[in-house]
Protein backbone atom coordinates (compact mmCIF):
# COMPACT_ATOMS: atom_id res chain seq x y z
CA GLU A 1 0.00 0.00 0.00
CA LYS A 2 2.95 2.37 0.46
CA TYR A 3 3.61 2.25 -3.29
CA ASN A 4 1.16 4.57 -4.95
CA THR A 5 2.67 7.85 -6.09
CA LEU A 6 6.23 9.19 -5.90
CA VAL A 7 7.44 12.61 -6.99
CA ALA A 8 10.96 12.63 -8.40
CA MET A 9 13.74 14.85 -7.12
CA ASP A 10 13.13 17.31 -9.96
CA GLY A 11 9.70 18.08 -8.46
CA LYS A 12 8.05 17.52 -11.85
CA THR A 13 8.22 13.83 -12.72
CA GLU A 14 5.60 11.60 -11.13
CA LEU A 15 5.80 7.84 -10.69
CA GLN A 16 2.39 6.17 -10.57
CA MET A 17 2.14 2.63 -9.19
CA SER A 18 -0.59 0.02 -8.78
CA SER A 19 -0.51 -3.58 -7.55
CA PHE A 20 -3.00 -6.41 -7.12
CA GLN A 21 -3.29 -10.07 -6.14
CA ALA A 22 -5.69 -12.78 -7.34
CA PRO A 23 -6.28 -16.50 -6.64
CA LYS A 24 -3.64 -17.62 -9.18
CA ILE A 25 -1.61 -14.42 -9.29
CA ARG A 26 1.05 -13.68 -6.69
CA LEU A 27 1.53 -10.11 -7.91
CA LEU A 28 0.30 -7.91 -10.72
CA ARG A 29 2.08 -4.58 -10.63
CA SER A 30 2.40 -1.57 -12.86
CA MET A 31 4.58 1.53 -12.78
CA SER A 32 4.31 4.45 -15.16
CA ILE A 33 6.59 7.48 -15.40
CA GLN A 34 5.90 10.56 -17.42
CA ASN A 35 7.51 13.95 -17.85
CA GLU A 36 8.34 16.34 -20.66
CA VAL A 37 11.07 14.16 -22.13
CA MET A 38 9.99 10.55 -21.59
CA GLN A 39 7.22 8.06 -20.94
CA VAL A 40 7.80 4.69 -19.25
CA LEU A 41 5.57 1.70 -18.58
CA ASP A 42 6.84 -1.23 -16.51
CA PHE A 43 4.08 -3.83 -16.24
CA ALA A 44 4.42 -7.42 -15.03
CA VAL A 45 2.29 -10.26 -13.69
CA PHE A 46 3.80 -13.05 -11.60
CA PRO A 47 1.94 -16.34 -11.07
CA LYS A 48 1.87 -18.05 -7.70
CA PRO A 49 4.54 -20.81 -7.40
CA GLU A 50 1.82 -23.45 -7.65
CA PHE A 51 1.59 -22.55 -11.35
CA ASP A 52 4.44 -22.76 -13.86
CA VAL A 53 2.78 -20.23 -16.19
CA PRO A 54 5.20 -17.74 -17.79
CA ILE A 55 5.62 -14.25 -16.34
CA PHE A 56 3.90 -11.51 -18.31
CA CYS A 57 6.35 -8.69 -18.96
CA ALA A 58 5.92 -5.35 -20.75
CA ASN A 59 8.63 -2.68 -20.62
CA PHE A 60 8.07 0.37 -22.82
CA PHE A 61 10.33 3.43 -22.93
CA THR A 62 9.72 6.48 -25.11
CA ALA A 63 11.97 9.54 -25.28
CA ALA A 64 11.62 12.15 -28.02
CA SER A 65 11.39 10.04 -31.19
CA THR A 66 12.99 6.89 -29.75
CA ASN A 67 11.04 3.88 -28.50
CA ILE A 68 12.60 0.87 -26.75
CA VAL A 69 10.30 -2.08 -26.14
CA VAL A 70 10.36 -5.51 -24.51
CA LEU A 71 7.11 -7.47 -24.54
CA ASP A 72 7.09 -11.13 -23.66
CA LEU A 73 5.67 -14.03 -21.76
CA ASN A 74 8.94 -14.66 -19.92
CA PRO A 75 9.42 -18.43 -19.44
CA LEU A 76 9.65 -19.66 -15.89
CA HIS A 77 11.99 -22.39 -17.09
CA ASP A 78 14.69 -22.13 -19.76
CA VAL A 79 13.03 -22.82 -23.14
CA ILE A 80 16.38 -23.29 -24.89
CA HIS A 81 16.97 -26.54 -23.01
CA HIS A 82 13.49 -27.49 -21.77
CA ARG A 83 11.57 -28.43 -24.92
CA ASP A 84 8.61 -29.78 -22.95
CA TYR A 85 8.07 -26.41 -21.29
CA LYS A 86 8.50 -24.56 -24.60
CA ASP A 87 5.98 -26.80 -26.35
CA LYS A 88 3.54 -26.56 -23.45
CA TYR A 89 3.27 -22.79 -23.55
CA TYR A 90 4.73 -21.40 -26.78
CA LYS A 91 4.04 -23.85 -29.59
CA SER A 92 0.47 -22.58 -30.03
CA LEU A 93 1.58 -18.94 -29.64
CA MET A 94 4.17 -18.91 -32.44
CA PRO A 95 1.71 -17.56 -35.10
CA LEU A 96 0.89 -14.65 -32.76
CA GLY A 97 4.57 -13.97 -32.19
CA LEU A 98 5.46 -14.14 -35.88
CA ASN A 99 2.71 -11.68 -36.75
CA TYR A 100 4.08 -9.01 -34.45
CA THR A 101 7.78 -9.66 -34.92
CA LYS A 102 7.25 -8.69 -38.57
CA LEU A 103 5.59 -5.43 -37.55
CA LEU A 104 8.06 -4.79 -34.71
CA PRO A 105 11.42 -6.27 -35.83
CA TRP A 106 14.38 -7.26 -33.68
CA GLY A 107 15.99 -4.30 -31.92
CA GLY A 108 19.66 -5.24 -32.24
CA ARG A 109 22.21 -6.73 -29.90
CA LEU A 110 20.86 -8.57 -26.87
CA THR A 111 23.20 -10.24 -24.39
CA SER A 112 23.35 -14.02 -24.21
CA GLU A 113 22.71 -13.82 -20.45
CA SER A 114 19.47 -11.92 -20.99
CA ILE A 115 18.26 -14.23 -23.75
CA LYS A 116 17.82 -17.05 -21.22
CA PHE A 117 14.93 -15.15 -19.67
CA PHE A 118 13.07 -14.58 -22.94
CA SER A 119 10.75 -16.75 -25.01
CA PRO A 120 10.62 -17.47 -28.76
CA ILE A 121 7.79 -14.91 -29.11
CA VAL A 122 9.60 -12.04 -27.38
CA ILE A 123 9.22 -8.63 -28.97
CA TRP A 124 12.49 -6.77 -28.47
CA THR A 125 12.41 -3.73 -30.70
CA LYS A 126 13.44 -0.12 -31.19
CA PHE A 127 11.65 2.26 -33.50
CA THR A 128 11.12 5.91 -34.34
CA SER A 129 7.75 7.20 -33.14
CA SER A 130 4.88 6.92 -35.60
CA GLN A 131 1.15 6.32 -35.22
CA ASP A 132 1.39 3.02 -37.09
CA LYS A 133 4.11 1.71 -34.78
CA HIS A 134 2.31 2.81 -31.64
CA ASP A 135 -0.93 1.22 -32.89
CA ALA A 136 0.95 -2.03 -33.60
CA LEU A 137 2.53 -1.96 -30.14
CA TYR A 138 -0.80 -1.37 -28.40
CA SER A 139 -2.38 -4.20 -30.39
CA ALA A 140 0.55 -6.50 -29.52
CA PHE A 141 0.26 -5.65 -25.83
CA MET A 142 -3.46 -6.43 -25.79
CA GLU A 143 -3.12 -9.71 -27.71
CA TYR A 144 -0.14 -10.92 -25.69
CA TYR A 145 -1.93 -10.10 -22.45
CA LYS A 146 -5.11 -11.89 -23.58
CA ALA A 147 -2.98 -14.91 -24.54
CA TRP A 148 -1.36 -14.87 -21.10
CA LEU A 149 -4.74 -14.59 -19.36
CA LYS A 150 -5.97 -17.61 -21.32
CA LEU A 151 -2.93 -19.63 -20.23
CA MET A 152 -3.53 -18.62 -16.63
CA ASP A 153 -7.22 -19.44 -16.86
CA GLN A 154 -6.40 -22.94 -18.11
CA ALA A 155 -3.57 -23.54 -15.64
CA VAL A 156 -4.01 -26.38 -13.17
CA GLU A 157 -2.61 -25.97 -9.68
CA GLU A 158 0.49 -28.05 -9.00
CA THR A 159 0.32 -30.28 -5.92
CA ASP A 160 3.77 -31.88 -6.08
CA VAL A 161 5.86 -30.12 -3.44
CA SER A 162 9.13 -30.60 -5.29
CA GLN A 163 7.71 -29.04 -8.47
CA ILE A 164 6.28 -26.11 -6.52
CA MET A 165 9.71 -25.54 -5.00
CA CYS A 166 11.26 -25.73 -8.47
CA ASN A 167 8.81 -23.09 -9.75
CA CYS A 168 9.50 -20.97 -6.69
CA GLU A 169 13.26 -21.01 -7.24
CA ALA A 170 12.85 -20.32 -10.96
CA GLN A 171 10.80 -17.21 -10.23
CA HIS A 172 13.23 -16.14 -7.51
CA ARG A 173 16.16 -16.52 -9.92
CA TYR A 174 14.31 -14.35 -12.47
CA LEU A 175 13.54 -11.68 -9.87
CA THR A 176 17.14 -11.69 -8.63
CA TRP A 177 18.47 -11.17 -12.16
CA ARG A 178 16.02 -8.40 -12.97
CA ALA A 179 16.59 -6.55 -9.70
CA GLU A 180 20.34 -6.51 -10.29
CA LYS A 181 20.67 -6.14 -14.08
CA ASP A 182 17.53 -4.46 -15.39
CA PRO A 183 18.62 -1.58 -17.67
CA GLY A 184 15.94 0.76 -16.30
CA HIS A 185 17.63 1.04 -12.92
CA GLY A 186 19.75 3.98 -13.99
CA VAL A 187 16.64 6.01 -14.82
CA LEU A 188 15.15 5.32 -11.37
CA LYS A 189 18.35 6.32 -9.57
CA LYS A 190 18.44 9.63 -11.44
CA LEU A 191 14.80 10.32 -10.65
CA ILE A 192 14.43 9.31 -6.99
CA GLY A 193 17.95 8.60 -5.71
CA GLU A 194 19.76 5.36 -4.96
CA THR A 195 18.05 4.54 -1.65
CA LEU A 196 14.48 4.94 -2.88
CA ALA A 197 15.33 3.21 -6.16
CA ALA A 198 16.69 0.17 -4.29
CA ASP A 199 13.55 0.04 -2.15
CA LEU A 200 11.29 0.28 -5.19
CA LEU A 201 13.20 -2.45 -7.02
CA GLY A 202 13.35 -4.93 -4.15
CA ASN A 203 9.95 -4.42 -2.58
CA PHE A 204 7.69 -3.40 -5.47
CA LEU A 205 8.95 -3.99 -9.01
CA PHE A 206 10.59 -7.31 -8.14
CA ASN A 207 8.73 -8.13 -4.98
CA GLY A 208 9.37 -11.70 -3.89
CA ILE A 209 13.16 -11.61 -3.63
CA LYS A 210 12.93 -11.74 0.15
CA GLU A 211 9.92 -14.04 0.33
CA LEU A 212 10.52 -16.70 -2.34
CA GLY A 213 14.10 -17.64 -1.53
CA SER A 214 17.27 -16.85 0.36
CA LYS A 215 19.84 -17.11 -2.44
CA LYS A 216 21.71 -14.00 -3.51
CA PHE A 217 22.60 -12.83 -7.01
CA LEU A 218 26.07 -14.40 -6.91
CA ASP A 219 24.62 -17.74 -5.79
CA TYR A 220 22.73 -17.90 -9.08
CA PHE A 221 25.30 -16.12 -11.23
CA PRO A 222 28.78 -16.72 -9.70
CA GLU A 223 30.46 -15.66 -12.95
CA TYR A 224 29.65 -12.06 -12.00
CA CYS A 225 31.72 -12.18 -8.82
CA CYS A 226 34.66 -9.75 -8.69
CA GLU A 227 37.87 -10.54 -6.81
CA ASP A 228 36.69 -8.46 -3.86
CA GLY A 229 33.41 -10.37 -3.67
CA THR A 230 31.24 -7.63 -5.16
CA VAL A 231 28.95 -7.98 -8.18
CA ASN A 232 30.44 -7.03 -11.55
CA GLU A 233 28.32 -4.20 -12.92
CA LYS A 234 28.74 -5.25 -16.55
CA ARG A 235 25.58 -6.28 -18.39
CA SER A 236 27.39 -9.20 -20.01
CA ILE A 237 30.26 -11.34 -18.81
CA ILE A 238 30.18 -13.89 -21.61
CA GLY A 239 30.43 -11.11 -24.18
CA LYS A 240 28.25 -12.86 -26.76
CA SER A 241 25.22 -11.00 -28.03
CA PHE A 242 22.56 -11.63 -30.64
CA GLU A 243 22.30 -9.11 -33.45
CA HIS A 244 19.37 -10.93 -35.01
CA ARG A 245 16.40 -12.88 -33.68
CA PRO A 246 17.90 -16.14 -32.35
CA TRP A 247 14.74 -18.25 -32.92
CA ASP A 248 13.40 -19.48 -36.22
CA SER A 249 9.75 -19.38 -37.30
CA GLY A 250 9.09 -22.68 -35.54
CA GLY A 251 10.44 -21.43 -32.22
CA GLU A 252 13.70 -23.38 -32.45
CA PHE A 253 16.74 -21.66 -30.96
CA VAL A 254 19.29 -21.12 -33.73
CA GLY A 255 21.63 -18.64 -32.08
CA ASP A 256 22.74 -15.88 -34.43
CA ASN A 257 22.72 -18.02 -37.56
CA LEU A 258 19.75 -16.24 -39.13
CA LYS A 259 20.73 -12.96 -40.75
CA VAL A 260 17.25 -11.62 -41.29
CA ASN A 261 14.69 -10.49 -38.73
């Protein structure tokens, strides 16, 4: 309840927040930021651990004529190596994804670490503002969200304790990564300062880090550990990135072998 409205240090920018729970949903939360130079929407819905449904994720950033977008049903389990999970949730959604990835093509280099948290239907795009593009994005948001709601409506509650724990850790790993490496953190720090930004990240945007598990970032991602035990601030340690969409039209992961979006 403490997360509702925040006024940035400039006295002009306002951060508007809302959050909800539902029988199958651990947390639905939304944050919007708007001022004279930018508009931001950070919207996500996290299922309860009893359900292995993907996490709905929409991150939209607009500044002047530039738009940076990530829209996805983030997989709870790695779809590159878990074909059963990929087929369960994404096989039927590939036509939807292909439709919008043509309208909103791949936005350029994406780190190999980040790609593990995305699905074959992810929309990662950058574009110059136009009414057609904004209409396409709004339509994509609505259709992806409706698709997610349908998956959630059909989801059957897991009763196996070990599988629930597996789902719980998978979501906790996702939250831990996002809280540490999300590229929007710099914007928040500039707007509301480091202390408030850290509070907002840990307790609102990525709520569940404290409740769903006890592991720290370096427990999940030890490759980011510096010699002094601190977390390396780089976005990528491996150094590999994907210039083009790394999935083919059937949802198979092909790395960077395809040279067309």
